[in-house]
Structures are given as C-alpha cells and as structure tokens.
Amino acid sequence: MIEEASRLAVEGVSQYELTRAVNRFESNYTFSNINFLAKAQAMAQCEMNNEDINGIVARYRAVSVKDISRVAREIIDPQRRCTLIYSPEW
C-alpha cells in the first residue's frame, strides 16, 4: 500500500487510467440515479453543497493527470507518514 501510494506521488497516473476512472465514475453516477429516491437524494446533496447536479460529471472530466500528480505529491509526503500499531488487551 505504501509503495503504491509512493508510486502515485512520484510517477503519477497515465491518461488511460484517469479516463478509465472517470468513465467508471460517470457510469456509476448515471445508473445510481435511475430511481426517484436516489435522484432526489443526489439533488438534495447538490443543493446542500451549492452544486449544479448537471455539472458533477463535467467537474470530474476537468481533472487532469497533472492535477492528480500535484495533489498526490502534496498529500503523500513521507515526512507526514505515521504508523498505527495496535495489539489486543491482555
């Protein structure tokens, strides 16, 4: 897991990976809003977040490979890493 996160920060993602992820999001988002209840919940969430429900997929499509690399380098920083060690109570 740490190696993959580090690879993401250093190498970034390919355009193919990004396109595939955005297409998967669009497909899931579209088909999850088929019934009335899901559509109403999505509309309420967009209203609460002051978003346009018709612009959600477009916002995802606007993300570039450079954006992902930049944010990954900011977030996945080895200096900020911490490890949680837990063990059972004895």
N, C-alpha and C. Protein backbone atom coordinates (compact mmCIF):
# COMPACT_ATOMS: atom_id res chain seq x y z
N MET A 1 0.82 -1.19 0.00
CA MET A 1 0.00 0.00 0.00
C MET A 1 0.87 1.26 0.00
N ILE A 2 1.89 1.29 0.83
CA ILE A 2 2.76 2.46 0.90
C ILE A 2 3.53 2.61 -0.41
N GLU A 3 3.95 1.49 -0.98
CA GLU A 3 4.70 1.54 -2.24
C GLU A 3 3.83 2.09 -3.36
N GLU A 4 2.56 1.66 -3.41
CA GLU A 4 1.66 2.13 -4.47
C GLU A 4 1.37 3.61 -4.31
N ALA A 5 1.18 4.06 -3.08
CA ALA A 5 0.95 5.48 -2.83
C ALA A 5 2.18 6.31 -3.20
N SER A 6 3.35 5.80 -2.89
CA SER A 6 4.58 6.50 -3.26
C SER A 6 4.74 6.54 -4.77
N ARG A 7 4.40 5.45 -5.45
CA ARG A 7 4.48 5.42 -6.91
C ARG A 7 3.54 6.45 -7.51
N LEU A 8 2.36 6.58 -6.93
CA LEU A 8 1.40 7.57 -7.41
C LEU A 8 1.96 8.98 -7.28
N ALA A 9 2.62 9.25 -6.17
CA ALA A 9 3.18 10.58 -5.94
C ALA A 9 4.35 10.87 -6.87
N VAL A 10 5.16 9.85 -7.16
CA VAL A 10 6.35 10.05 -7.97
C VAL A 10 6.04 9.98 -9.47
N GLU A 11 5.39 8.91 -9.88
CA GLU A 11 5.15 8.67 -11.31
C GLU A 11 3.84 9.26 -11.81
N GLY A 12 2.86 9.41 -10.93
CA GLY A 12 1.55 9.87 -11.36
C GLY A 12 0.74 8.75 -11.98
N VAL A 13 -0.31 9.13 -12.68
CA VAL A 13 -1.16 8.16 -13.36
C VAL A 13 -1.10 8.42 -14.86
N SER A 14 -1.44 7.41 -15.62
CA SER A 14 -1.47 7.58 -17.08
C SER A 14 -2.81 8.17 -17.49
N GLN A 15 -2.86 8.71 -18.67
CA GLN A 15 -4.11 9.26 -19.19
C GLN A 15 -5.16 8.16 -19.32
N TYR A 16 -4.70 6.96 -19.67
CA TYR A 16 -5.62 5.82 -19.77
C TYR A 16 -6.27 5.52 -18.42
N GLU A 17 -5.48 5.49 -17.34
CA GLU A 17 -6.02 5.21 -16.01
C GLU A 17 -7.03 6.28 -15.60
N LEU A 18 -6.69 7.54 -15.86
CA LEU A 18 -7.59 8.64 -15.50
C LEU A 18 -8.90 8.55 -16.28
N THR A 19 -8.81 8.32 -17.58
CA THR A 19 -10.01 8.21 -18.40
C THR A 19 -10.88 7.05 -17.95
N ARG A 20 -10.24 5.95 -17.63
CA ARG A 20 -10.98 4.77 -17.17
C ARG A 20 -11.71 5.05 -15.84
N ALA A 21 -11.02 5.72 -14.92
CA ALA A 21 -11.63 6.05 -13.63
C ALA A 21 -12.79 7.02 -13.79
N VAL A 22 -12.63 8.02 -14.64
CA VAL A 22 -13.71 8.99 -14.85
C VAL A 22 -14.89 8.32 -15.54
N ASN A 23 -14.63 7.47 -16.52
CA ASN A 23 -15.72 6.75 -17.18
C ASN A 23 -16.47 5.86 -16.20
N ARG A 24 -15.72 5.21 -15.32
CA ARG A 24 -16.36 4.35 -14.31
C ARG A 24 -17.22 5.19 -13.36
N PHE A 25 -16.70 6.35 -12.95
CA PHE A 25 -17.48 7.23 -12.09
C PHE A 25 -18.75 7.66 -12.79
N GLU A 26 -18.63 8.10 -14.04
CA GLU A 26 -19.81 8.57 -14.78
C GLU A 26 -20.85 7.47 -14.92
N SER A 27 -20.41 6.27 -15.22
CA SER A 27 -21.33 5.14 -15.35
C SER A 27 -22.04 4.86 -14.02
N ASN A 28 -21.27 4.78 -12.94
CA ASN A 28 -21.87 4.52 -11.62
C ASN A 28 -22.81 5.64 -11.22
N TYR A 29 -22.41 6.87 -11.44
CA TYR A 29 -23.24 8.03 -11.07
C TYR A 29 -24.53 8.03 -11.86
N THR A 30 -24.45 7.76 -13.15
CA THR A 30 -25.64 7.78 -14.01
C THR A 30 -26.61 6.67 -13.62
N PHE A 31 -26.11 5.47 -13.47
CA PHE A 31 -27.00 4.35 -13.17
C PHE A 31 -27.48 4.34 -11.73
N SER A 32 -26.76 5.02 -10.83
CA SER A 32 -27.24 5.06 -9.45
C SER A 32 -28.37 6.06 -9.28
N ASN A 33 -28.55 6.95 -10.25
CA ASN A 33 -29.61 7.95 -10.15
C ASN A 33 -30.81 7.63 -11.04
N ILE A 34 -31.04 6.35 -11.29
CA ILE A 34 -32.16 5.97 -12.15
C ILE A 34 -33.48 6.05 -11.38
N ASN A 35 -33.52 5.57 -10.16
CA ASN A 35 -34.80 5.61 -9.44
C ASN A 35 -35.02 6.98 -8.79
N PHE A 36 -36.25 7.27 -8.46
CA PHE A 36 -36.63 8.59 -7.97
C PHE A 36 -35.99 8.94 -6.64
N LEU A 37 -35.90 7.97 -5.75
CA LEU A 37 -35.33 8.25 -4.42
C LEU A 37 -33.86 8.63 -4.54
N ALA A 38 -33.09 7.88 -5.31
CA ALA A 38 -31.67 8.19 -5.47
C ALA A 38 -31.49 9.54 -6.15
N LYS A 39 -32.31 9.84 -7.13
CA LYS A 39 -32.23 11.13 -7.83
C LYS A 39 -32.55 12.27 -6.86
N ALA A 40 -33.57 12.09 -6.03
CA ALA A 40 -33.94 13.12 -5.05
C ALA A 40 -32.82 13.32 -4.03
N GLN A 41 -32.19 12.23 -3.60
CA GLN A 41 -31.09 12.35 -2.65
C GLN A 41 -29.90 13.07 -3.28
N ALA A 42 -29.60 12.75 -4.53
CA ALA A 42 -28.49 13.42 -5.23
C ALA A 42 -28.79 14.91 -5.40
N MET A 43 -30.02 15.24 -5.73
CA MET A 43 -30.40 16.65 -5.89
C MET A 43 -30.31 17.39 -4.56
N ALA A 44 -30.75 16.73 -3.48
CA ALA A 44 -30.69 17.36 -2.16
C ALA A 44 -29.24 17.58 -1.74
N GLN A 45 -28.38 16.60 -2.01
CA GLN A 45 -26.97 16.75 -1.66
C GLN A 45 -26.33 17.88 -2.46
N CYS A 46 -26.65 17.97 -3.74
CA CYS A 46 -26.11 19.06 -4.55
C CYS A 46 -26.62 20.41 -4.06
N GLU A 47 -27.86 20.47 -3.68
CA GLU A 47 -28.41 21.73 -3.15
C GLU A 47 -27.71 22.10 -1.85
N MET A 48 -27.47 21.13 -1.01
CA MET A 48 -26.81 21.37 0.27
C MET A 48 -25.37 21.86 0.06
N ASN A 49 -24.69 21.33 -0.97
CA ASN A 49 -23.31 21.70 -1.26
C ASN A 49 -23.20 22.86 -2.24
N ASN A 50 -24.35 23.42 -2.62
CA ASN A 50 -24.40 24.54 -3.56
C ASN A 50 -23.72 24.18 -4.88
N GLU A 51 -24.07 23.00 -5.40
CA GLU A 51 -23.50 22.50 -6.65
C GLU A 51 -24.61 22.35 -7.69
N ASP A 52 -24.23 22.32 -8.94
CA ASP A 52 -25.16 22.03 -10.02
C ASP A 52 -25.12 20.54 -10.30
N ILE A 53 -26.25 19.88 -10.20
CA ILE A 53 -26.28 18.43 -10.38
C ILE A 53 -25.85 18.04 -11.80
N ASN A 54 -26.05 18.91 -12.77
CA ASN A 54 -25.68 18.61 -14.14
C ASN A 54 -24.20 18.83 -14.41
N GLY A 55 -23.47 19.42 -13.46
CA GLY A 55 -22.06 19.71 -13.67
C GLY A 55 -21.11 18.79 -12.94
N ILE A 56 -21.63 17.80 -12.24
CA ILE A 56 -20.77 16.93 -11.44
C ILE A 56 -19.83 16.11 -12.33
N VAL A 57 -20.34 15.50 -13.36
CA VAL A 57 -19.51 14.68 -14.24
C VAL A 57 -18.51 15.56 -14.98
N ALA A 58 -18.93 16.75 -15.38
CA ALA A 58 -18.03 17.68 -16.07
C ALA A 58 -16.86 18.09 -15.17
N ARG A 59 -17.13 18.25 -13.88
CA ARG A 59 -16.04 18.57 -12.95
C ARG A 59 -15.02 17.44 -12.88
N TYR A 60 -15.50 16.21 -12.86
CA TYR A 60 -14.58 15.06 -12.86
C TYR A 60 -13.81 15.00 -14.17
N ARG A 61 -14.47 15.28 -15.28
CA ARG A 61 -13.80 15.26 -16.59
C ARG A 61 -12.74 16.34 -16.71
N ALA A 62 -12.86 17.41 -15.92
CA ALA A 62 -11.91 18.52 -15.98
C ALA A 62 -10.60 18.22 -15.25
N VAL A 63 -10.56 17.17 -14.45
CA VAL A 63 -9.35 16.82 -13.72
C VAL A 63 -8.32 16.27 -14.70
N SER A 64 -7.09 16.75 -14.58
CA SER A 64 -6.02 16.30 -15.49
C SER A 64 -5.02 15.42 -14.74
N VAL A 65 -4.17 14.78 -15.51
CA VAL A 65 -3.11 13.96 -14.94
C VAL A 65 -2.18 14.82 -14.09
N LYS A 66 -1.90 16.03 -14.53
CA LYS A 66 -1.04 16.94 -13.77
C LYS A 66 -1.68 17.31 -12.44
N ASP A 67 -3.00 17.49 -12.41
CA ASP A 67 -3.70 17.81 -11.16
C ASP A 67 -3.53 16.67 -10.15
N ILE A 68 -3.70 15.45 -10.62
CA ILE A 68 -3.58 14.30 -9.72
C ILE A 68 -2.16 14.18 -9.20
N SER A 69 -1.18 14.37 -10.05
CA SER A 69 0.22 14.28 -9.62
C SER A 69 0.55 15.36 -8.60
N ARG A 70 0.08 16.57 -8.85
CA ARG A 70 0.35 17.68 -7.94
C ARG A 70 -0.25 17.42 -6.56
N VAL A 71 -1.50 17.02 -6.53
CA VAL A 71 -2.17 16.77 -5.25
C VAL A 71 -1.57 15.56 -4.55
N ALA A 72 -1.21 14.53 -5.30
CA ALA A 72 -0.59 13.34 -4.70
C ALA A 72 0.73 13.70 -4.04
N ARG A 73 1.52 14.55 -4.69
CA ARG A 73 2.80 14.96 -4.09
C ARG A 73 2.56 15.77 -2.81
N GLU A 74 1.50 16.56 -2.78
CA GLU A 74 1.20 17.35 -1.58
C GLU A 74 0.74 16.46 -0.42
N ILE A 75 -0.10 15.49 -0.73
CA ILE A 75 -0.72 14.68 0.32
C ILE A 75 0.17 13.51 0.74
N ILE A 76 0.77 12.83 -0.23
CA ILE A 76 1.57 11.64 0.07
C ILE A 76 3.01 12.08 0.25
N ASP A 77 3.31 12.52 1.43
CA ASP A 77 4.63 13.03 1.77
C ASP A 77 5.23 12.11 2.83
N PRO A 78 6.40 11.51 2.58
CA PRO A 78 6.99 10.60 3.57
C PRO A 78 7.24 11.26 4.92
N GLN A 79 7.43 12.56 4.94
CA GLN A 79 7.64 13.26 6.21
C GLN A 79 6.38 13.27 7.06
N ARG A 80 5.23 13.14 6.45
CA ARG A 80 3.96 13.19 7.17
C ARG A 80 3.42 11.80 7.51
N ARG A 81 4.17 10.76 7.18
CA ARG A 81 3.71 9.40 7.38
C ARG A 81 3.69 9.05 8.87
N CYS A 82 2.71 8.29 9.27
CA CYS A 82 2.66 7.78 10.64
C CYS A 82 2.14 6.34 10.59
N THR A 83 2.48 5.59 11.59
CA THR A 83 2.09 4.19 11.66
C THR A 83 1.32 3.96 12.95
N LEU A 84 0.18 3.33 12.84
CA LEU A 84 -0.63 2.99 13.98
C LEU A 84 -0.37 1.53 14.32
N ILE A 85 0.11 1.28 15.51
CA ILE A 85 0.36 -0.09 15.96
C ILE A 85 -0.64 -0.40 17.05
N TYR A 86 -1.39 -1.44 16.86
CA TYR A 86 -2.37 -1.81 17.87
C TYR A 86 -2.20 -3.29 18.18
N SER A 87 -2.53 -3.63 19.40
CA SER A 87 -2.44 -5.01 19.84
C SER A 87 -3.60 -5.30 20.77
N PRO A 88 -3.93 -6.56 20.96
CA PRO A 88 -5.06 -6.90 21.84
C PRO A 88 -4.72 -6.60 23.30
N GLU A 89 -5.78 -6.31 24.06
CA GLU A 89 -5.57 -6.09 25.50
C GLU A 89 -5.27 -7.43 26.16
N TRP A 90 -4.37 -7.41 27.09
CA TRP A 90 -4.01 -8.64 27.81
C TRP A 90 -4.58 -8.65 29.17
